[in-house]
Amino acid sequence: MADASLWTALADPHRRAIVALLLERPRPVGEIVQACGLSQPSTSKHLKVLREAGLVQVRQDAQRRVYALDPAPIAELDAWLDPYRRLWNTSLDRLGRRLDETSVGPEEPTTKD
Protein backbone atom coordinates (compact mmCIF):
# COMPACT_ATOMS: atom_id res chain seq x y z
CA MET A 1 0.00 0.00 0.00
CA ALA A 2 1.14 3.55 -0.65
CA ASP A 3 2.78 5.25 2.33
CA ALA A 4 0.49 7.50 4.41
CA SER A 5 2.93 10.41 4.05
CA LEU A 6 2.44 10.20 0.29
CA TRP A 7 -1.32 10.60 0.68
CA THR A 8 -0.83 13.42 3.18
CA ALA A 9 1.58 15.21 0.86
CA LEU A 10 -0.78 14.95 -2.10
CA ALA A 11 -3.84 15.98 -0.08
CA ASP A 12 -2.88 19.66 -0.24
CA PRO A 13 -3.82 21.50 -3.46
CA HIS A 14 -0.67 23.67 -3.33
CA ARG A 15 1.53 20.60 -3.18
CA ARG A 16 -0.38 19.00 -6.05
CA ALA A 17 0.21 22.19 -8.06
CA ILE A 18 3.95 21.96 -7.29
CA VAL A 19 4.00 18.31 -8.37
CA ALA A 20 2.25 19.30 -11.62
CA LEU A 21 4.88 21.98 -12.25
CA LEU A 22 7.69 19.54 -11.60
CA LEU A 23 6.10 17.04 -13.94
CA GLU A 24 7.03 19.39 -16.78
CA ARG A 25 10.67 19.78 -15.72
CA PRO A 26 12.93 20.39 -12.69
CA ARG A 27 12.64 23.93 -11.34
CA PRO A 28 14.48 26.17 -8.90
CA VAL A 29 12.59 27.32 -5.82
CA GLY A 30 12.20 30.86 -7.19
CA GLU A 31 10.33 29.59 -10.24
CA ILE A 32 8.06 27.47 -8.07
CA VAL A 33 7.34 30.47 -5.82
CA GLN A 34 6.46 32.61 -8.82
CA ALA A 35 4.35 29.97 -10.57
CA CYS A 36 2.36 29.06 -7.45
CA GLY A 37 1.90 32.58 -6.15
CA LEU A 38 2.91 31.56 -2.64
CA SER A 39 5.45 33.17 -0.36
CA GLN A 40 8.96 31.72 -0.35
CA PRO A 41 8.64 30.39 3.23
CA SER A 42 5.28 28.75 2.43
CA THR A 43 6.65 27.20 -0.76
CA SER A 44 9.67 25.89 1.14
CA LYS A 45 7.39 24.25 3.72
CA HIS A 46 5.40 22.54 0.96
CA LEU A 47 8.60 21.40 -0.74
CA LYS A 48 9.84 19.97 2.56
CA VAL A 49 6.68 17.88 2.92
CA LEU A 50 7.02 16.65 -0.68
CA ARG A 51 10.71 15.85 -0.11
CA GLU A 52 10.00 13.95 3.13
CA ALA A 53 7.29 11.95 1.32
CA GLY A 54 9.87 11.06 -1.32
CA LEU A 55 7.98 12.81 -4.11
CA VAL A 56 10.71 15.30 -4.96
CA GLN A 57 14.48 15.36 -4.98
CA VAL A 58 16.59 18.46 -4.53
CA ARG A 59 20.03 19.27 -5.87
CA GLN A 60 22.22 22.27 -5.32
CA ASP A 61 23.07 24.28 -8.46
CA ALA A 62 25.48 27.03 -7.43
CA GLN A 63 23.39 29.25 -5.13
CA ARG A 64 20.01 27.75 -5.99
CA ARG A 65 18.14 24.62 -5.05
CA VAL A 66 16.57 22.81 -7.97
CA TYR A 67 13.67 20.44 -7.32
CA ALA A 68 12.73 17.51 -9.53
CA LEU A 69 9.91 15.00 -9.35
CA ASP A 70 10.86 11.49 -8.22
CA PRO A 71 8.61 9.11 -10.19
CA ALA A 72 9.09 6.08 -7.88
CA PRO A 73 6.41 7.00 -5.27
CA ILE A 74 3.97 7.92 -8.04
CA ALA A 75 4.57 4.51 -9.64
CA GLU A 76 3.92 2.87 -6.25
CA LEU A 77 0.68 4.84 -5.91
CA ASP A 78 -0.32 3.92 -9.48
CA ALA A 79 0.29 0.22 -8.75
CA TRP A 80 -1.79 0.45 -5.59
CA LEU A 81 -4.65 2.16 -7.47
CA ASP A 82 -4.61 -0.28 -10.41
CA PRO A 83 -7.19 -2.77 -9.07
CA TYR A 84 -9.55 0.10 -8.24
CA ARG A 85 -9.05 1.61 -11.68
CA ARG A 86 -9.92 -1.77 -13.25
CA LEU A 87 -13.03 -1.96 -11.06
CA TRP A 88 -14.16 1.50 -12.17
CA ASN A 89 -13.32 0.83 -15.83
CA THR A 90 -15.36 -2.37 -15.75
CA SER A 91 -18.28 -0.56 -14.11
CA LEU A 92 -18.09 2.32 -16.57
CA ASP A 93 -17.91 -0.09 -19.52
CA ARG A 94 -21.06 -1.82 -18.25
CA LEU A 95 -22.79 1.53 -17.84
CA GLY A 96 -21.77 2.52 -21.38
CA ARG A 97 -23.16 -0.72 -22.80
CA ARG A 98 -26.39 -0.25 -20.87
CA LEU A 99 -26.77 3.30 -22.13
CA ASP A 100 -26.11 2.12 -25.70
CA GLU A 101 -28.83 -0.53 -25.32
CA THR A 102 -31.42 1.90 -24.00
CA SER A 103 -30.62 4.95 -26.08
CA VAL A 104 -33.06 6.00 -28.73
CA GLY A 105 -31.65 6.93 -32.09
CA PRO A 106 -31.90 10.48 -33.37
CA GLU A 107 -35.42 11.55 -34.17
CA GLU A 108 -36.38 11.72 -37.80
CA PRO A 109 -37.07 15.30 -38.86
CA THR A 110 -40.70 15.92 -39.59
CA THR A 111 -41.60 17.50 -42.88
CA LYS A 112 -44.47 19.85 -43.39
CA ASP A 113 -46.39 19.46 -46.60
C-alpha atoms as a PDB file:
ATOM      1  CA  MET A   1       0.000   0.000   0.000  1.00  0.00           C
ATOM      2  CA  ALA A   2       1.138   3.551  -0.647  1.00  0.00           C
ATOM      3  CA  ASP A   3       2.779   5.248   2.331  1.00  0.00           C
ATOM      4  CA  ALA A   4       0.491   7.502   4.407  1.00  0.00           C
ATOM      5  CA  SER A   5       2.928  10.409   4.055  1.00  0.00           C
ATOM      6  CA  LEU A   6       2.443  10.204   0.292  1.00  0.00           C
ATOM      7  CA  TRP A   7      -1.323  10.598   0.684  1.00  0.00           C
ATOM      8  CA  THR A   8      -0.831  13.419   3.177  1.00  0.00           C
ATOM      9  CA  ALA A   9       1.582  15.207   0.865  1.00  0.00           C
ATOM     10  CA  LEU A  10      -0.776  14.946  -2.105  1.00  0.00           C
ATOM     11  CA  ALA A  11      -3.836  15.980  -0.077  1.00  0.00           C
ATOM     12  CA  ASP A  12      -2.880  19.657  -0.243  1.00  0.00           C
ATOM     13  CA  PRO A  13      -3.825  21.501  -3.461  1.00  0.00           C
ATOM     14  CA  HIS A  14      -0.674  23.674  -3.334  1.00  0.00           C
ATOM     15  CA  ARG A  15       1.527  20.600  -3.185  1.00  0.00           C
ATOM     16  CA  ARG A  16      -0.382  19.000  -6.051  1.00  0.00           C
ATOM     17  CA  ALA A  17       0.215  22.191  -8.057  1.00  0.00           C
ATOM     18  CA  ILE A  18       3.945  21.963  -7.287  1.00  0.00           C
ATOM     19  CA  VAL A  19       3.998  18.313  -8.367  1.00  0.00           C
ATOM     20  CA  ALA A  20       2.247  19.295 -11.621  1.00  0.00           C
ATOM     21  CA  LEU A  21       4.878  21.977 -12.247  1.00  0.00           C
ATOM     22  CA  LEU A  22       7.695  19.544 -11.605  1.00  0.00           C
ATOM     23  CA  LEU A  23       6.098  17.035 -13.944  1.00  0.00           C
ATOM     24  CA  GLU A  24       7.031  19.395 -16.775  1.00  0.00           C
ATOM     25  CA  ARG A  25      10.674  19.779 -15.717  1.00  0.00           C
ATOM     26  CA  PRO A  26      12.935  20.387 -12.695  1.00  0.00           C
ATOM     27  CA  ARG A  27      12.642  23.932 -11.336  1.00  0.00           C
ATOM     28  CA  PRO A  28      14.480  26.172  -8.903  1.00  0.00           C
ATOM     29  CA  VAL A  29      12.592  27.322  -5.825  1.00  0.00           C
ATOM     30  CA  GLY A  30      12.204  30.862  -7.187  1.00  0.00           C
ATOM     31  CA  GLU A  31      10.333  29.594 -10.237  1.00  0.00           C
ATOM     32  CA  ILE A  32       8.061  27.471  -8.074  1.00  0.00           C
ATOM     33  CA  VAL A  33       7.340  30.465  -5.820  1.00  0.00           C
ATOM     34  CA  GLN A  34       6.461  32.614  -8.822  1.00  0.00           C
ATOM     35  CA  ALA A  35       4.351  29.974 -10.573  1.00  0.00           C
ATOM     36  CA  CYS A  36       2.356  29.056  -7.452  1.00  0.00           C
ATOM     37  CA  GLY A  37       1.902  32.578  -6.148  1.00  0.00           C
ATOM     38  CA  LEU A  38       2.912  31.557  -2.642  1.00  0.00           C
ATOM     39  CA  SER A  39       5.447  33.172  -0.364  1.00  0.00           C
ATOM     40  CA  GLN A  40       8.962  31.723  -0.354  1.00  0.00           C
ATOM     41  CA  PRO A  41       8.636  30.386   3.226  1.00  0.00           C
ATOM     42  CA  SER A  42       5.280  28.753   2.432  1.00  0.00           C
ATOM     43  CA  THR A  43       6.652  27.200  -0.764  1.00  0.00           C
ATOM     44  CA  SER A  44       9.671  25.891   1.142  1.00  0.00           C
ATOM     45  CA  LYS A  45       7.385  24.254   3.719  1.00  0.00           C
ATOM     46  CA  HIS A  46       5.402  22.544   0.961  1.00  0.00           C
ATOM     47  CA  LEU A  47       8.605  21.396  -0.744  1.00  0.00           C
ATOM     48  CA  LYS A  48       9.840  19.971   2.558  1.00  0.00           C
ATOM     49  CA  VAL A  49       6.676  17.877   2.915  1.00  0.00           C
ATOM     50  CA  LEU A  50       7.024  16.655  -0.677  1.00  0.00           C
ATOM     51  CA  ARG A  51      10.709  15.853  -0.109  1.00  0.00           C
ATOM     52  CA  GLU A  52       9.999  13.951   3.126  1.00  0.00           C
ATOM     53  CA  ALA A  53       7.286  11.946   1.316  1.00  0.00           C
ATOM     54  CA  GLY A  54       9.866  11.062  -1.323  1.00  0.00           C
ATOM     55  CA  LEU A  55       7.980  12.810  -4.114  1.00  0.00           C
ATOM     56  CA  VAL A  56      10.710  15.297  -4.963  1.00  0.00           C
ATOM     57  CA  GLN A  57      14.478  15.360  -4.984  1.00  0.00           C
ATOM     58  CA  VAL A  58      16.594  18.457  -4.534  1.00  0.00           C
ATOM     59  CA  ARG A  59      20.029  19.275  -5.872  1.00  0.00           C
ATOM     60  CA  GLN A  60      22.224  22.273  -5.320  1.00  0.00           C
ATOM     61  CA  ASP A  61      23.069  24.277  -8.459  1.00  0.00           C
ATOM     62  CA  ALA A  62      25.478  27.032  -7.431  1.00  0.00           C
ATOM     63  CA  GLN A  63      23.392  29.250  -5.133  1.00  0.00           C
ATOM     64  CA  ARG A  64      20.008  27.747  -5.992  1.00  0.00           C
ATOM     65  CA  ARG A  65      18.143  24.617  -5.049  1.00  0.00           C
ATOM     66  CA  VAL A  66      16.567  22.811  -7.972  1.00  0.00           C
ATOM     67  CA  TYR A  67      13.668  20.445  -7.319  1.00  0.00           C
ATOM     68  CA  ALA A  68      12.727  17.509  -9.528  1.00  0.00           C
ATOM     69  CA  LEU A  69       9.910  14.995  -9.351  1.00  0.00           C
ATOM     70  CA  ASP A  70      10.862  11.494  -8.222  1.00  0.00           C
ATOM     71  CA  PRO A  71       8.612   9.108 -10.185  1.00  0.00           C
ATOM     72  CA  ALA A  72       9.087   6.083  -7.880  1.00  0.00           C
ATOM     73  CA  PRO A  73       6.414   7.004  -5.267  1.00  0.00           C
ATOM     74  CA  ILE A  74       3.970   7.922  -8.038  1.00  0.00           C
ATOM     75  CA  ALA A  75       4.566   4.509  -9.641  1.00  0.00           C
ATOM     76  CA  GLU A  76       3.918   2.871  -6.253  1.00  0.00           C
ATOM     77  CA  LEU A  77       0.681   4.839  -5.913  1.00  0.00           C
ATOM     78  CA  ASP A  78      -0.323   3.923  -9.477  1.00  0.00           C
ATOM     79  CA  ALA A  79       0.290   0.225  -8.755  1.00  0.00           C
ATOM     80  CA  TRP A  80      -1.792   0.446  -5.591  1.00  0.00           C
ATOM     81  CA  LEU A  81      -4.650   2.164  -7.474  1.00  0.00           C
ATOM     82  CA  ASP A  82      -4.607  -0.277 -10.411  1.00  0.00           C
ATOM     83  CA  PRO A  83      -7.191  -2.767  -9.067  1.00  0.00           C
ATOM     84  CA  TYR A  84      -9.552   0.103  -8.238  1.00  0.00           C
ATOM     85  CA  ARG A  85      -9.048   1.609 -11.681  1.00  0.00           C
ATOM     86  CA  ARG A  86      -9.915  -1.766 -13.247  1.00  0.00           C
ATOM     87  CA  LEU A  87     -13.028  -1.956 -11.061  1.00  0.00           C
ATOM     88  CA  TRP A  88     -14.158   1.497 -12.173  1.00  0.00           C
ATOM     89  CA  ASN A  89     -13.320   0.834 -15.827  1.00  0.00           C
ATOM     90  CA  THR A  90     -15.364  -2.374 -15.746  1.00  0.00           C
ATOM     91  CA  SER A  91     -18.280  -0.558 -14.107  1.00  0.00           C
ATOM     92  CA  LEU A  92     -18.086   2.318 -16.569  1.00  0.00           C
ATOM     93  CA  ASP A  93     -17.908  -0.094 -19.517  1.00  0.00           C
ATOM     94  CA  ARG A  94     -21.065  -1.822 -18.245  1.00  0.00           C
ATOM     95  CA  LEU A  95     -22.787   1.530 -17.840  1.00  0.00           C
ATOM     96  CA  GLY A  96     -21.770   2.524 -21.380  1.00  0.00           C
ATOM     97  CA  ARG A  97     -23.158  -0.717 -22.801  1.00  0.00           C
ATOM     98  CA  ARG A  98     -26.392  -0.254 -20.871  1.00  0.00           C
ATOM     99  CA  LEU A  99     -26.771   3.302 -22.134  1.00  0.00           C
ATOM    100  CA  ASP A 100     -26.113   2.117 -25.696  1.00  0.00           C
ATOM    101  CA  GLU A 101     -28.832  -0.530 -25.324  1.00  0.00           C
ATOM    102  CA  THR A 102     -31.419   1.899 -23.997  1.00  0.00           C
ATOM    103  CA  SER A 103     -30.615   4.949 -26.080  1.00  0.00           C
ATOM    104  CA  VAL A 104     -33.063   5.996 -28.726  1.00  0.00           C
ATOM    105  CA  GLY A 105     -31.646   6.932 -32.090  1.00  0.00           C
ATOM    106  CA  PRO A 106     -31.900  10.481 -33.370  1.00  0.00           C
ATOM    107  CA  GLU A 107     -35.418  11.553 -34.172  1.00  0.00           C
ATOM    108  CA  GLU A 108     -36.379  11.720 -37.797  1.00  0.00           C
ATOM    109  CA  PRO A 109     -37.072  15.295 -38.864  1.00  0.00           C
ATOM    110  CA  THR A 110     -40.698  15.920 -39.590  1.00  0.00           C
ATOM    111  CA  THR A 111     -41.597  17.505 -42.878  1.00  0.00           C
ATOM    112  CA  LYS A 112     -44.472  19.849 -43.387  1.00  0.00           C
ATOM    113  CA  ASP A 113     -46.390  19.461 -46.599  1.00  0.00           C
END
